[in-house]
């Protein structure tokens, strides 16, 4: 990467930037000789070696155990501060979102349905899909019984329904939701794509 993107010579390439991310003696090993956590560290080092202003991390902790996951997240937060860069973190893990994010964009069916600061999002979700995701999180002090789920199945990406893409699974869907796709609009200091973007407004009319 250094040779290709920064036009350096072999002699100019230093191992010094790698010291924070993985042991120097590991640099000559092959992927099958590395643990999952070490492979992730190696990928992070490769992504950062050209000093980007933005790091796009797509599910960087998938398939890692909890201990290694915590180490990787801590490393990424440390590097973010040291290198003064932004991170776009793509994940389905809401625990990771709470740990890493400052602002969150929730996507459904390939489109952003809600965007908000992380504290606002967890405290008061405006979109039914976001509300459903948060309701599915197990609670240690919750009542016994089945975990909550979002009803139905994700639509075929090649054949999304008319109107709001989430309406077949939405408990609050009304007639307008079936025919008119909501746009992503400002709602206070956040954005939401919903005809009835909060629990109070959804319940002002009969749910059908």
Foldseek 3Di string as FASTA:
>chain_A
DCCPPVVDDPVVDDCVLLVLQDPPVCPPDDPVVDDLLSVLSVVVCVQPVVLDQEAEAAPSCPPPDPVSSVVVLVSVVVCCVVSVHYYHYHDPDVVSCLVHFQKDFDDALRDTFKIGGNVCLLVFFFDQVSVQSNQQDDDPPDDDDDGGHQDDDQDDSVDQAAADSCQVRGQLDDPNRRHHFFDFDDDPRMTGRDPQGGPVSSPVDDGD
